[in-house]
Each structure stands twice: as structure tokens, then as C-alpha cells.
N, C-alpha and C. Protein backbone atom coordinates (compact mmCIF):
# COMPACT_ATOMS: atom_id res chain seq x y z
N MET A 1 0.85 -1.17 0.00
CA MET A 1 0.00 0.00 0.00
C MET A 1 0.90 1.23 0.00
N PRO A 2 0.61 2.16 -0.87
CA PRO A 2 1.40 3.39 -0.88
C PRO A 2 1.32 4.15 0.46
N HIS A 3 2.39 4.81 0.79
CA HIS A 3 2.50 5.53 2.07
C HIS A 3 1.35 6.52 2.25
N ASP A 4 1.05 7.29 1.22
CA ASP A 4 -0.01 8.29 1.34
C ASP A 4 -1.38 7.66 1.62
N ASP A 5 -1.65 6.51 0.98
CA ASP A 5 -2.92 5.80 1.23
C ASP A 5 -2.97 5.29 2.67
N ALA A 6 -1.86 4.73 3.13
CA ALA A 6 -1.81 4.21 4.51
C ALA A 6 -2.01 5.35 5.51
N ALA A 7 -1.38 6.48 5.27
CA ALA A 7 -1.53 7.63 6.17
C ALA A 7 -2.98 8.12 6.19
N GLU A 8 -3.62 8.13 5.04
CA GLU A 8 -5.02 8.57 4.95
C GLU A 8 -5.93 7.58 5.68
N LEU A 9 -5.68 6.29 5.51
CA LEU A 9 -6.48 5.29 6.23
C LEU A 9 -6.32 5.43 7.74
N LEU A 10 -5.12 5.67 8.19
CA LEU A 10 -4.88 5.86 9.61
C LEU A 10 -5.60 7.11 10.11
N ARG A 11 -5.58 8.17 9.33
CA ARG A 11 -6.29 9.39 9.71
C ARG A 11 -7.79 9.10 9.83
N LEU A 12 -8.35 8.37 8.88
CA LEU A 12 -9.77 8.02 8.94
C LEU A 12 -10.08 7.10 10.11
N LEU A 13 -9.20 6.17 10.37
CA LEU A 13 -9.39 5.25 11.49
C LEU A 13 -9.50 6.01 12.81
N ARG A 14 -8.72 7.05 12.95
CA ARG A 14 -8.74 7.84 14.19
C ARG A 14 -10.05 8.61 14.37
N THR A 15 -10.82 8.77 13.30
CA THR A 15 -12.10 9.49 13.41
C THR A 15 -13.26 8.57 13.80
N LEU A 16 -13.04 7.26 13.71
CA LEU A 16 -14.12 6.32 14.00
C LEU A 16 -14.37 6.21 15.50
N LYS A 17 -15.62 5.97 15.85
CA LYS A 17 -15.99 5.76 17.24
C LYS A 17 -15.91 4.25 17.49
N LEU A 18 -14.72 3.80 17.83
CA LEU A 18 -14.48 2.37 18.04
C LEU A 18 -14.76 2.00 19.49
N ARG A 19 -15.11 0.73 19.67
CA ARG A 19 -15.29 0.23 21.02
C ARG A 19 -14.53 -1.08 21.13
N ARG A 20 -14.12 -1.40 22.33
CA ARG A 20 -13.42 -2.66 22.57
C ARG A 20 -14.43 -3.79 22.58
N ALA A 21 -13.98 -4.94 22.15
CA ALA A 21 -14.84 -6.11 22.12
C ALA A 21 -14.18 -7.22 22.93
N PRO A 22 -14.66 -7.46 24.14
CA PRO A 22 -14.10 -8.58 24.91
C PRO A 22 -14.32 -9.89 24.15
N MET A 23 -13.30 -10.72 24.10
CA MET A 23 -13.36 -11.94 23.30
C MET A 23 -13.40 -13.21 24.13
N LYS A 24 -13.23 -13.11 25.43
CA LYS A 24 -13.15 -14.31 26.26
C LYS A 24 -14.36 -15.23 26.07
N HIS A 25 -15.54 -14.65 25.98
CA HIS A 25 -16.75 -15.45 25.83
C HIS A 25 -16.90 -16.05 24.42
N LEU A 26 -16.03 -15.65 23.49
CA LEU A 26 -16.10 -16.16 22.12
C LEU A 26 -14.97 -17.15 21.81
N LEU A 27 -14.17 -17.51 22.80
CA LEU A 27 -13.03 -18.38 22.53
C LEU A 27 -13.43 -19.75 22.01
N ASP A 28 -14.46 -20.36 22.59
CA ASP A 28 -14.89 -21.68 22.11
C ASP A 28 -15.37 -21.61 20.66
N ARG A 29 -16.14 -20.59 20.34
CA ARG A 29 -16.64 -20.43 18.96
C ARG A 29 -15.49 -20.12 18.02
N THR A 30 -14.53 -19.33 18.47
CA THR A 30 -13.36 -19.01 17.67
C THR A 30 -12.59 -20.28 17.31
N LEU A 31 -12.37 -21.13 18.30
CA LEU A 31 -11.64 -22.38 18.05
C LEU A 31 -12.42 -23.27 17.08
N GLU A 32 -13.71 -23.35 17.26
CA GLU A 32 -14.54 -24.16 16.37
C GLU A 32 -14.43 -23.68 14.93
N ILE A 33 -14.52 -22.38 14.73
CA ILE A 33 -14.40 -21.80 13.38
C ILE A 33 -13.02 -22.09 12.80
N ALA A 34 -11.99 -21.93 13.62
CA ALA A 34 -10.61 -22.18 13.16
C ALA A 34 -10.44 -23.63 12.71
N LEU A 35 -10.92 -24.56 13.50
CA LEU A 35 -10.78 -25.97 13.17
C LEU A 35 -11.64 -26.37 11.96
N ASN A 36 -12.83 -25.83 11.87
CA ASN A 36 -13.72 -26.14 10.75
C ASN A 36 -13.20 -25.64 9.42
N ASN A 37 -12.41 -24.57 9.45
CA ASN A 37 -12.04 -23.88 8.22
C ASN A 37 -10.53 -23.75 7.98
N ALA A 38 -9.74 -24.44 8.80
CA ALA A 38 -8.28 -24.39 8.67
C ALA A 38 -7.77 -22.95 8.65
N LEU A 39 -8.30 -22.14 9.58
CA LEU A 39 -7.87 -20.75 9.74
C LEU A 39 -7.15 -20.59 11.06
N SER A 40 -6.42 -19.50 11.18
CA SER A 40 -5.81 -19.18 12.47
C SER A 40 -6.90 -18.73 13.44
N ALA A 41 -6.60 -18.84 14.71
CA ALA A 41 -7.54 -18.35 15.73
C ALA A 41 -7.72 -16.84 15.58
N TYR A 42 -6.66 -16.16 15.20
CA TYR A 42 -6.72 -14.70 15.00
C TYR A 42 -7.79 -14.36 13.95
N ASP A 43 -7.69 -14.99 12.77
CA ASP A 43 -8.67 -14.73 11.71
C ASP A 43 -10.06 -15.18 12.13
N SER A 44 -10.14 -16.32 12.79
CA SER A 44 -11.43 -16.87 13.20
C SER A 44 -12.11 -16.01 14.24
N SER A 45 -11.34 -15.31 15.04
CA SER A 45 -11.94 -14.46 16.07
C SER A 45 -12.76 -13.33 15.45
N TYR A 46 -12.33 -12.82 14.30
CA TYR A 46 -13.10 -11.77 13.63
C TYR A 46 -14.44 -12.32 13.14
N ILE A 47 -14.44 -13.55 12.66
CA ILE A 47 -15.69 -14.16 12.21
C ILE A 47 -16.61 -14.41 13.40
N ALA A 48 -16.05 -14.92 14.50
CA ALA A 48 -16.85 -15.16 15.70
C ALA A 48 -17.48 -13.86 16.20
N LEU A 49 -16.71 -12.79 16.20
CA LEU A 49 -17.22 -11.50 16.66
C LEU A 49 -18.30 -10.97 15.71
N ALA A 50 -18.08 -11.10 14.40
CA ALA A 50 -19.09 -10.66 13.43
C ALA A 50 -20.39 -11.42 13.63
N LEU A 51 -20.30 -12.72 13.82
CA LEU A 51 -21.49 -13.52 14.05
C LEU A 51 -22.19 -13.12 15.34
N HIS A 52 -21.41 -12.93 16.39
CA HIS A 52 -21.97 -12.58 17.70
C HIS A 52 -22.69 -11.24 17.67
N ASP A 53 -22.07 -10.26 17.02
CA ASP A 53 -22.62 -8.90 17.01
C ASP A 53 -23.57 -8.64 15.84
N GLY A 54 -23.64 -9.58 14.90
CA GLY A 54 -24.55 -9.40 13.76
C GLY A 54 -24.05 -8.43 12.72
N TYR A 55 -22.74 -8.27 12.62
CA TYR A 55 -22.16 -7.38 11.61
C TYR A 55 -21.52 -8.21 10.51
N PRO A 56 -21.42 -7.67 9.31
CA PRO A 56 -20.69 -8.40 8.27
C PRO A 56 -19.19 -8.33 8.52
N LEU A 57 -18.51 -9.35 8.08
CA LEU A 57 -17.05 -9.35 8.10
C LEU A 57 -16.57 -8.58 6.88
N ILE A 58 -15.62 -7.69 7.06
CA ILE A 58 -15.04 -6.94 5.96
C ILE A 58 -13.61 -7.41 5.81
N SER A 59 -13.29 -7.93 4.64
CA SER A 59 -11.97 -8.51 4.42
C SER A 59 -11.64 -8.48 2.95
N ILE A 60 -10.38 -8.74 2.65
CA ILE A 60 -9.94 -8.92 1.27
C ILE A 60 -9.39 -10.33 1.09
N ASP A 61 -9.23 -11.04 2.18
CA ASP A 61 -8.64 -12.37 2.19
C ASP A 61 -9.68 -13.42 1.79
N GLN A 62 -9.44 -14.09 0.67
CA GLN A 62 -10.42 -15.05 0.14
C GLN A 62 -10.71 -16.21 1.10
N PRO A 63 -9.71 -16.87 1.70
CA PRO A 63 -10.03 -17.94 2.65
C PRO A 63 -10.85 -17.44 3.84
N HIS A 64 -10.57 -16.23 4.27
CA HIS A 64 -11.30 -15.63 5.39
C HIS A 64 -12.76 -15.42 5.01
N MET A 65 -13.00 -14.90 3.82
CA MET A 65 -14.38 -14.65 3.36
C MET A 65 -15.12 -15.97 3.12
N ARG A 66 -14.42 -16.98 2.57
CA ARG A 66 -15.08 -18.29 2.37
C ARG A 66 -15.47 -18.90 3.71
N ALA A 67 -14.59 -18.79 4.71
CA ALA A 67 -14.90 -19.33 6.03
C ALA A 67 -16.07 -18.58 6.65
N ALA A 68 -16.10 -17.27 6.50
CA ALA A 68 -17.22 -16.48 7.03
C ALA A 68 -18.53 -16.95 6.42
N ALA A 69 -18.54 -17.12 5.11
CA ALA A 69 -19.75 -17.58 4.44
C ALA A 69 -20.14 -18.98 4.92
N ALA A 70 -19.16 -19.87 5.07
CA ALA A 70 -19.43 -21.23 5.53
C ALA A 70 -20.02 -21.25 6.93
N GLU A 71 -19.65 -20.27 7.74
CA GLU A 71 -20.12 -20.21 9.12
C GLU A 71 -21.42 -19.42 9.26
N GLY A 72 -21.90 -18.86 8.15
CA GLY A 72 -23.16 -18.13 8.19
C GLY A 72 -23.04 -16.65 8.43
N SER A 73 -21.83 -16.12 8.32
CA SER A 73 -21.63 -14.69 8.50
C SER A 73 -21.73 -13.97 7.17
N ALA A 74 -22.40 -12.84 7.17
CA ALA A 74 -22.38 -11.98 5.99
C ALA A 74 -20.98 -11.41 5.86
N TRP A 75 -20.58 -11.09 4.66
CA TRP A 75 -19.26 -10.49 4.46
C TRP A 75 -19.30 -9.51 3.31
N LEU A 76 -18.37 -8.58 3.36
CA LEU A 76 -18.23 -7.59 2.32
C LEU A 76 -16.76 -7.49 1.93
N PRO A 77 -16.46 -7.42 0.66
CA PRO A 77 -15.05 -7.22 0.28
C PRO A 77 -14.63 -5.79 0.59
N ILE A 78 -13.44 -5.63 1.11
CA ILE A 78 -12.97 -4.30 1.47
C ILE A 78 -12.84 -3.42 0.22
N THR A 79 -12.71 -4.05 -0.94
CA THR A 79 -12.61 -3.28 -2.18
C THR A 79 -13.89 -2.53 -2.52
N GLN A 80 -14.96 -2.84 -1.81
CA GLN A 80 -16.24 -2.14 -2.01
C GLN A 80 -16.17 -0.71 -1.45
N PHE A 81 -15.20 -0.47 -0.60
CA PHE A 81 -15.08 0.83 0.06
C PHE A 81 -13.97 1.63 -0.60
N SER A 82 -14.06 2.93 -0.52
CA SER A 82 -13.02 3.79 -1.09
C SER A 82 -12.71 4.91 -0.12
N LEU A 83 -11.57 5.53 -0.33
CA LEU A 83 -11.15 6.66 0.51
C LEU A 83 -11.92 7.90 0.14
């Protein structure tokens, strides 16, 4: 990613009203997703959180999006968004 694009994304990220998402209660589901889809726990945790909160997963990673779909999570390609 070009430096200017990365800097702009970081600037935009700082404007978002983000909240922390405790993951302890999602560990079992995260592991299940990881094992079912041959994904890392890190990637699977995003799917578990999306499912739990009812939000679509936003990603560019094809295995990640396929796993989200297999688990019943809506997903959107990050390429749908622009600066």
C-alpha cells in the first residue's frame, strides 16, 4: 500500500468511534471456526465477533471470506469501500 494511502487510512481510522470487544466469551466459537475452516484463531476471532454482534465481516482475504460464508456470517469485500 502506498504511504499516502496508509496515512489517509490511519487518519480516517482515528475518526471512528471504536469500542473494545471482549473476546473471552467467544473463545470456544473461535476455536470451532478455526478448526472447521483451517484458519488461524486470530482470523477466526473476527468471524466469531461478526457472528456474535450481527455485523458483516469486511476482508480482502479469500479464505477468510469463504470461512465467514461457511459459518453463516455476511461479508463484504474491502474493495467495495473507497477513501
